[in-house]
N, C-alpha and C. Protein backbone atom coordinates (compact mmCIF):
# COMPACT_ATOMS: atom_id res chain seq x y z
N MET A 1 0.75 -1.17 0.05
CA MET A 1 0.16 -0.32 0.33
C MET A 1 0.96 1.20 0.24
N ARG A 2 1.68 1.57 0.84
CA ARG A 2 2.44 2.24 0.76
C ARG A 2 3.64 2.68 -0.66
N PHE A 3 3.98 1.57 -1.03
CA PHE A 3 4.50 1.73 -2.28
C PHE A 3 3.75 2.55 -3.41
N ARG A 4 2.21 1.80 -3.44
CA ARG A 4 1.35 2.32 -4.11
C ARG A 4 1.13 4.27 -4.35
N LEU A 5 1.35 4.50 -3.00
CA LEU A 5 0.91 5.99 -2.40
C LEU A 5 2.30 6.41 -3.18
N PHE A 6 3.44 6.08 -3.01
CA PHE A 6 4.92 6.47 -2.94
C PHE A 6 4.91 6.54 -4.57
N VAL A 7 4.56 5.69 -5.58
CA VAL A 7 4.59 5.46 -6.73
C VAL A 7 3.44 6.96 -7.49
N ALA A 8 2.30 6.79 -6.68
CA ALA A 8 1.49 7.94 -7.07
C ALA A 8 1.99 9.44 -6.91
N ALA A 9 2.75 9.76 -5.25
CA ALA A 9 3.30 10.81 -5.64
C ALA A 9 4.54 11.00 -6.08
N ILE A 10 5.39 10.20 -6.44
CA ILE A 10 6.18 10.56 -7.59
C ILE A 10 5.83 10.35 -9.04
N ALA A 11 4.56 10.07 -9.02
CA ALA A 11 3.81 10.31 -10.50
C ALA A 11 3.23 11.98 -10.71
N LEU A 12 2.68 12.05 -9.65
CA LEU A 12 2.30 13.64 -9.45
C LEU A 12 3.75 14.76 -9.31
N VAL A 13 4.51 14.48 -9.53
CA VAL A 13 5.70 15.30 -8.93
C VAL A 13 5.53 16.53 -10.07
N PRO A 14 5.87 15.92 -11.57
CA PRO A 14 5.72 16.88 -12.46
C PRO A 14 4.76 17.47 -12.64
N GLY A 15 3.75 17.13 -12.46
CA GLY A 15 2.25 17.90 -12.50
C GLY A 15 2.52 19.23 -11.81
N ILE A 16 2.93 19.09 -10.75
CA ILE A 16 3.14 20.07 -9.39
C ILE A 16 4.00 21.40 -10.09
N ALA A 17 5.46 20.45 -10.36
CA ALA A 17 6.57 21.65 -10.87
C ALA A 17 6.07 22.12 -12.16
N LEU A 18 5.33 21.68 -12.83
CA LEU A 18 4.61 22.33 -14.39
C LEU A 18 3.55 23.52 -13.85
N ALA A 19 2.83 23.04 -13.07
CA ALA A 19 1.73 23.98 -12.50
C ALA A 19 2.20 25.12 -11.40
N ALA A 20 3.69 25.29 -11.30
CA ALA A 20 3.99 26.44 -10.25
C ALA A 20 3.79 27.60 -11.03
N PRO A 21 3.86 29.02 -10.62
CA PRO A 21 3.73 29.98 -11.41
C PRO A 21 5.17 30.50 -11.66
N ARG A 22 5.12 30.86 -12.66
CA ARG A 22 6.53 31.34 -12.88
C ARG A 22 7.19 32.69 -12.71
N THR A 23 5.88 33.48 -12.66
CA THR A 23 6.41 34.95 -12.71
C THR A 23 5.70 35.64 -11.00
N TYR A 24 5.72 36.70 -10.75
CA TYR A 24 5.17 37.32 -9.85
C TYR A 24 3.68 37.34 -10.05
N HIS A 25 3.35 37.64 -11.16
CA HIS A 25 2.15 38.20 -11.71
C HIS A 25 1.56 36.64 -11.76
N GLU A 26 1.67 35.79 -11.83
CA GLU A 26 0.77 34.68 -12.20
C GLU A 26 0.82 34.03 -10.67
N LEU A 27 1.31 34.23 -9.80
CA LEU A 27 1.17 33.83 -8.21
C LEU A 27 0.62 34.48 -7.39
N ALA A 28 0.70 35.85 -7.77
CA ALA A 28 -0.69 36.88 -7.69
C ALA A 28 -1.94 36.57 -8.32
N ASN A 29 -1.79 36.25 -9.28
CA ASN A 29 -3.35 35.60 -9.48
C ASN A 29 -3.97 34.66 -8.90
N TYR A 30 -3.08 33.59 -8.54
CA TYR A 30 -3.38 32.10 -7.88
C TYR A 30 -4.13 32.73 -6.51
N PHE A 31 -3.48 33.72 -6.32
CA PHE A 31 -4.05 34.23 -4.73
C PHE A 31 -5.58 34.89 -4.78
N VAL A 32 -5.62 36.03 -6.01
CA VAL A 32 -6.50 36.38 -6.08
C VAL A 32 -7.93 35.72 -6.45
N THR A 33 -7.48 34.68 -7.20
CA THR A 33 -8.50 33.96 -7.44
C THR A 33 -8.91 32.94 -6.26
N ILE A 34 -8.31 32.63 -5.60
CA ILE A 34 -8.78 31.90 -4.28
C ILE A 34 -9.03 32.81 -3.46
N ILE A 35 -9.03 34.14 -2.86
CA ILE A 35 -9.51 35.08 -2.22
C ILE A 35 -10.84 34.93 -2.90
N ASP A 36 -10.84 35.60 -4.12
CA ASP A 36 -12.50 36.07 -4.56
C ASP A 36 -13.19 34.59 -4.72
N THR A 37 -12.82 33.54 -4.77
CA THR A 37 -13.69 32.28 -4.92
C THR A 37 -14.13 32.30 -3.48
N ALA A 38 -13.24 32.52 -2.40
CA ALA A 38 -13.72 32.00 -0.97
C ALA A 38 -14.56 33.47 -0.49
N THR A 39 -14.42 34.49 -1.23
CA THR A 39 -15.36 35.57 -0.91
C THR A 39 -16.70 35.45 -1.26
N GLY A 40 -16.79 35.22 -2.34
CA GLY A 40 -17.70 34.60 -2.67
C GLY A 40 -18.60 33.69 -2.24
N MET A 41 -18.11 32.45 -1.89
CA MET A 41 -18.78 31.45 -1.30
C MET A 41 -19.12 32.05 0.07
N LEU A 42 -18.25 32.77 0.81
CA LEU A 42 -19.03 33.14 2.31
C LEU A 42 -20.13 33.91 2.08
N ILE A 43 -20.30 34.75 1.26
CA ILE A 43 -21.31 36.03 0.71
C ILE A 43 -22.71 34.88 0.54
N VAL A 44 -22.47 33.93 -0.23
CA VAL A 44 -23.41 33.23 -0.58
C VAL A 44 -24.09 32.13 0.75
N ALA A 45 -23.07 31.81 1.73
CA ALA A 45 -23.28 31.04 2.87
C ALA A 45 -23.87 31.96 3.80
N GLY A 46 -23.67 33.03 3.56
CA GLY A 46 -24.16 34.05 4.46
C GLY A 46 -25.59 34.74 4.39
N ILE A 47 -25.93 34.58 3.18
CA ILE A 47 -27.10 35.01 3.01
C ILE A 47 -28.03 33.80 2.85
N VAL A 48 -27.74 32.68 2.65
CA VAL A 48 -28.34 31.38 3.07
C VAL A 48 -28.58 31.56 4.70
N ILE A 49 -28.10 31.79 5.29
CA ILE A 49 -27.88 31.23 6.62
C ILE A 49 -28.73 32.69 7.51
N TYR A 50 -28.68 33.76 6.34
CA TYR A 50 -29.46 34.79 7.26
C TYR A 50 -30.90 34.54 6.40
N PHE A 51 -31.13 34.05 5.32
CA PHE A 51 -32.41 34.16 5.13
C PHE A 51 -33.11 32.45 6.19
N PHE A 52 -32.75 31.84 6.28
CA PHE A 52 -32.72 30.65 6.96
C PHE A 52 -33.15 31.20 8.32
N GLY A 53 -32.49 31.84 9.01
CA GLY A 53 -32.58 32.67 10.44
C GLY A 53 -33.54 33.20 10.19
N ILE A 54 -34.02 34.39 9.19
CA ILE A 54 -35.18 34.87 9.08
C ILE A 54 -36.85 34.00 8.68
N SER A 55 -36.65 33.13 8.47
CA SER A 55 -37.68 32.17 7.85
C SER A 55 -38.38 31.02 9.14
N THR A 56 -37.00 30.88 9.76
CA THR A 56 -37.47 29.91 11.12
C THR A 56 -37.79 31.18 12.36
N GLY A 57 -37.57 32.34 12.42
CA GLY A 57 -37.97 33.21 13.08
C GLY A 57 -39.54 33.70 12.86
N LEU A 58 -39.76 33.85 11.77
CA LEU A 58 -41.02 34.43 11.31
C LEU A 58 -42.00 32.92 11.82
N VAL A 59 -41.57 31.89 11.58
CA VAL A 59 -42.49 31.05 11.75
C VAL A 59 -42.76 30.63 13.24
N SER A 60 -41.79 30.97 14.11
CA SER A 60 -41.80 31.12 15.50
C SER A 60 -42.65 32.17 16.13
N LYS A 61 -43.66 31.51 17.60
CA LYS A 61 -44.46 32.59 17.91
C LYS A 61 -43.89 33.48 19.42
N GLY A 62 -44.36 34.37 19.58
CA GLY A 62 -43.93 34.67 21.19
C GLY A 62 -43.13 35.88 21.05
N GLU A 63 -43.09 36.72 22.13
CA GLU A 63 -42.26 37.98 22.13
C GLU A 63 -40.94 37.74 21.96
N ASP A 64 -40.48 36.58 22.64
CA ASP A 64 -39.11 36.47 22.93
C ASP A 64 -38.63 35.94 21.31
N ALA A 65 -39.51 35.17 20.55
CA ALA A 65 -39.29 34.83 19.47
C ALA A 65 -38.86 36.17 18.42
N GLN A 66 -39.47 36.99 18.64
CA GLN A 66 -39.36 38.37 17.91
C GLN A 66 -38.58 39.44 18.13
N SER A 67 -38.08 39.46 19.35
CA SER A 67 -36.99 40.00 19.80
C SER A 67 -35.47 39.26 18.94
N LYS A 68 -35.99 38.14 19.33
CA LYS A 68 -34.45 37.40 18.52
C LYS A 68 -34.27 37.44 17.06
N LEU A 69 -35.85 37.15 16.71
CA LEU A 69 -35.16 37.51 14.90
C LEU A 69 -35.25 39.45 14.81
N ARG A 70 -35.53 40.14 15.46
CA ARG A 70 -35.00 41.44 14.82
C ARG A 70 -33.62 41.50 15.29
N ILE A 71 -32.96 41.11 16.52
CA ILE A 71 -31.59 41.00 16.64
C ILE A 71 -30.96 40.39 15.82
N TYR A 72 -31.37 39.39 15.21
CA TYR A 72 -30.66 38.25 14.10
C TYR A 72 -31.07 38.88 12.76
N MET A 73 -32.07 39.71 12.23
CA MET A 73 -32.14 40.77 11.13
C MET A 73 -30.91 41.70 10.92
N LEU A 74 -30.81 42.44 12.36
CA LEU A 74 -30.06 43.56 12.42
C LEU A 74 -28.22 42.96 12.05
N TRP A 75 -28.13 42.07 13.16
CA TRP A 75 -26.90 41.49 13.06
C TRP A 75 -26.27 40.73 11.45
N GLY A 76 -27.57 40.27 10.97
CA GLY A 76 -27.29 40.15 9.48
C GLY A 76 -27.11 40.21 8.43
N LEU A 77 -27.86 41.83 8.73
CA LEU A 77 -27.43 42.59 7.96
C LEU A 77 -25.86 43.40 7.96
N ILE A 78 -25.91 43.58 9.01
CA ILE A 78 -24.42 44.14 9.18
C ILE A 78 -23.16 43.28 8.60
N VAL A 79 -23.23 41.99 9.03
CA VAL A 79 -22.24 41.10 8.45
C VAL A 79 -22.29 40.70 7.12
N LEU A 80 -23.65 41.14 6.36
CA LEU A 80 -23.41 40.70 5.11
C LEU A 80 -22.79 42.34 4.18
N PHE A 81 -23.05 43.41 4.85
CA PHE A 81 -22.08 44.44 4.51
C PHE A 81 -21.07 44.59 4.84
N VAL A 82 -20.25 44.62 6.11
CA VAL A 82 -19.01 43.61 5.90
C VAL A 82 -18.50 43.10 5.09
N MET A 83 -19.11 41.75 4.80
CA MET A 83 -18.75 40.71 3.76
C MET A 83 -18.44 41.69 2.63
N VAL A 84 -19.23 41.96 2.07
CA VAL A 84 -19.58 43.04 0.51
C VAL A 84 -18.41 44.20 0.16
N SER A 85 -18.13 45.02 1.42
CA SER A 85 -17.27 45.57 1.73
C SER A 85 -16.01 45.03 1.63
N ILE A 86 -15.50 44.06 2.18
CA ILE A 86 -14.21 43.66 2.24
C ILE A 86 -14.24 43.07 0.39
N TRP A 87 -15.05 42.67 -0.06
CA TRP A 87 -15.00 41.99 -1.60
C TRP A 87 -14.56 43.38 -2.32
N GLY A 88 -15.14 44.29 -2.01
CA GLY A 88 -15.37 45.85 -2.45
C GLY A 88 -13.80 46.49 -2.29
N ILE A 89 -13.29 46.09 -1.15
CA ILE A 89 -11.72 46.78 -0.84
C ILE A 89 -10.85 45.55 -1.38
N LEU A 90 -11.18 44.34 -1.72
CA LEU A 90 -10.23 43.17 -2.25
C LEU A 90 -10.06 43.84 -3.55
N ARG A 91 -11.44 43.87 -4.70
CA ARG A 91 -11.64 44.59 -5.85
C ARG A 91 -10.49 45.86 -6.03
N LEU A 92 -10.46 47.06 -4.89
CA LEU A 92 -9.68 47.81 -4.81
C LEU A 92 -8.18 48.03 -4.92
N VAL A 93 -7.87 46.86 -4.04
CA VAL A 93 -6.60 46.92 -4.16
C VAL A 93 -6.12 46.47 -5.63
N GLN A 94 -6.72 44.97 -5.84
CA GLN A 94 -6.62 44.27 -7.02
C GLN A 94 -6.55 45.27 -8.24
N ASN A 95 -7.26 46.24 -8.61
CA ASN A 95 -7.35 47.39 -9.30
C ASN A 95 -6.27 47.87 -9.24
N THR A 96 -5.68 48.17 -7.93
CA THR A 96 -4.55 49.24 -7.36
C THR A 96 -3.13 48.51 -7.84
N LEU A 97 -3.23 47.53 -7.92
CA LEU A 97 -1.91 46.55 -7.80
C LEU A 97 -1.56 46.20 -9.25
N PHE A 98 -2.32 45.66 -9.80
CA PHE A 98 -2.63 45.10 -11.10
C PHE A 98 -2.81 46.04 -12.49
N MET A 99 -3.56 47.10 -12.16
CA MET A 99 -4.01 48.40 -13.09
C MET A 99 -4.86 47.63 -13.68
N GLY A 100 -6.04 47.21 -13.32
CA GLY A 100 -7.02 46.42 -13.75
C GLY A 100 -7.22 45.42 -13.87
N ASP A 101 -7.78 44.83 -14.84
CA ASP A 101 -8.16 43.13 -14.48
C ASP A 101 -6.91 42.00 -14.77
N PRO A 102 -6.65 41.20 -13.40
CA PRO A 102 -5.28 40.58 -13.81
C PRO A 102 -5.72 39.50 -14.54
N TYR A 103 -7.02 39.12 -14.84
CA TYR A 103 -7.28 37.78 -15.78
C TYR A 103 -7.07 38.15 -17.00
N SER A 104 -6.94 38.99 -17.75
CA SER A 104 -6.75 39.48 -19.06
C SER A 104 -5.60 40.58 -18.82
N PRO A 105 -4.50 40.45 -18.42
CA PRO A 105 -3.76 41.28 -18.90
C PRO A 105 -3.08 41.58 -20.06
N ASP A 106 -2.64 42.84 -20.47
CA ASP A 106 -1.95 43.20 -21.63
C ASP A 106 -0.53 42.73 -21.99
N VAL A 107 -0.89 41.90 -23.05
CA VAL A 107 0.78 40.88 -23.18
C VAL A 107 1.57 41.97 -24.11
N GLY A 108 2.42 41.94 -23.64
CA GLY A 108 3.59 42.75 -24.39
C GLY A 108 3.62 44.27 -23.60
N SER A 109 2.83 44.63 -22.75
CA SER A 109 2.86 45.87 -22.43
C SER A 109 2.94 46.04 -21.03
N SER A 110 3.60 46.95 -20.42
CA SER A 110 4.09 47.35 -19.03
C SER A 110 2.93 47.45 -18.45
N GLY A 111 1.97 47.96 -19.07
CA GLY A 111 0.70 48.48 -18.23
C GLY A 111 0.58 50.01 -17.86
N PHE A 112 1.52 50.78 -18.10
CA PHE A 112 1.83 51.99 -17.79
C PHE A 112 1.77 52.83 -19.24
N GLU A 113 0.90 54.18 -19.18
CA GLU A 113 0.73 54.97 -20.30
C GLU A 113 1.52 56.17 -19.79
N ASP A 114 2.12 56.68 -20.79
CA ASP A 114 2.78 58.25 -20.30
C ASP A 114 1.39 58.88 -20.84
N PRO A 115 0.97 60.16 -19.68
CA PRO A 115 0.18 60.85 -20.38
C PRO A 115 0.44 62.00 -21.31
N PHE A 116 1.75 62.15 -21.24
CA PHE A 116 1.97 63.30 -22.15
C PHE A 116 2.56 62.82 -23.55
N VAL A 117 2.26 61.60 -24.19
CA VAL A 117 2.73 61.18 -25.20
C VAL A 117 1.56 60.35 -25.94
N PRO A 118 1.06 60.95 -27.25
CA PRO A 118 0.33 60.73 -27.88
C PRO A 118 0.21 58.95 -28.30
N ARG A 119 -1.24 58.59 -28.07
CA ARG A 119 -0.91 56.75 -28.65
C ARG A 119 -0.30 56.49 -29.81
N GLU A 120 -0.32 57.62 -30.81
CA GLU A 120 0.05 56.92 -32.15
C GLU A 120 1.74 57.33 -31.93
N PHE A 121 2.02 57.88 -31.01
CA PHE A 121 3.39 58.05 -30.80
C PHE A 121 4.39 57.20 -29.77
N ALA A 122 3.35 56.25 -29.03
CA ALA A 122 3.90 55.57 -28.32
C ALA A 122 5.00 54.12 -28.28
N GLU A 123 4.59 53.58 -30.12
CA GLU A 123 5.15 52.55 -29.66
C GLU A 123 6.31 53.21 -31.05
């Protein structure tokens, strides 16, 4: 059994080496992709939990349940606002560091434009 795991691990080493980022830009794109995916999944999970809490609070009767529902709705909205704000801050940092969308980089261009040189004479 250990031999099979060893052979499988040895067989996967070239795939890991070839999947390694070659530049800082590729490495940063991997991190941005992971953070974007995780943030989106957290927002979806937060919305699902929020609506689940509201639906269970609406079904329950009593003043205690209604006060819990109000608190749940307030904190749910605050948490969703914070999550979406973090997503916006990540987009701002992404646009600041990569000067636009890192998923569609300008190939062969540094990304900087001289505002004093017309585009016709830039290259």
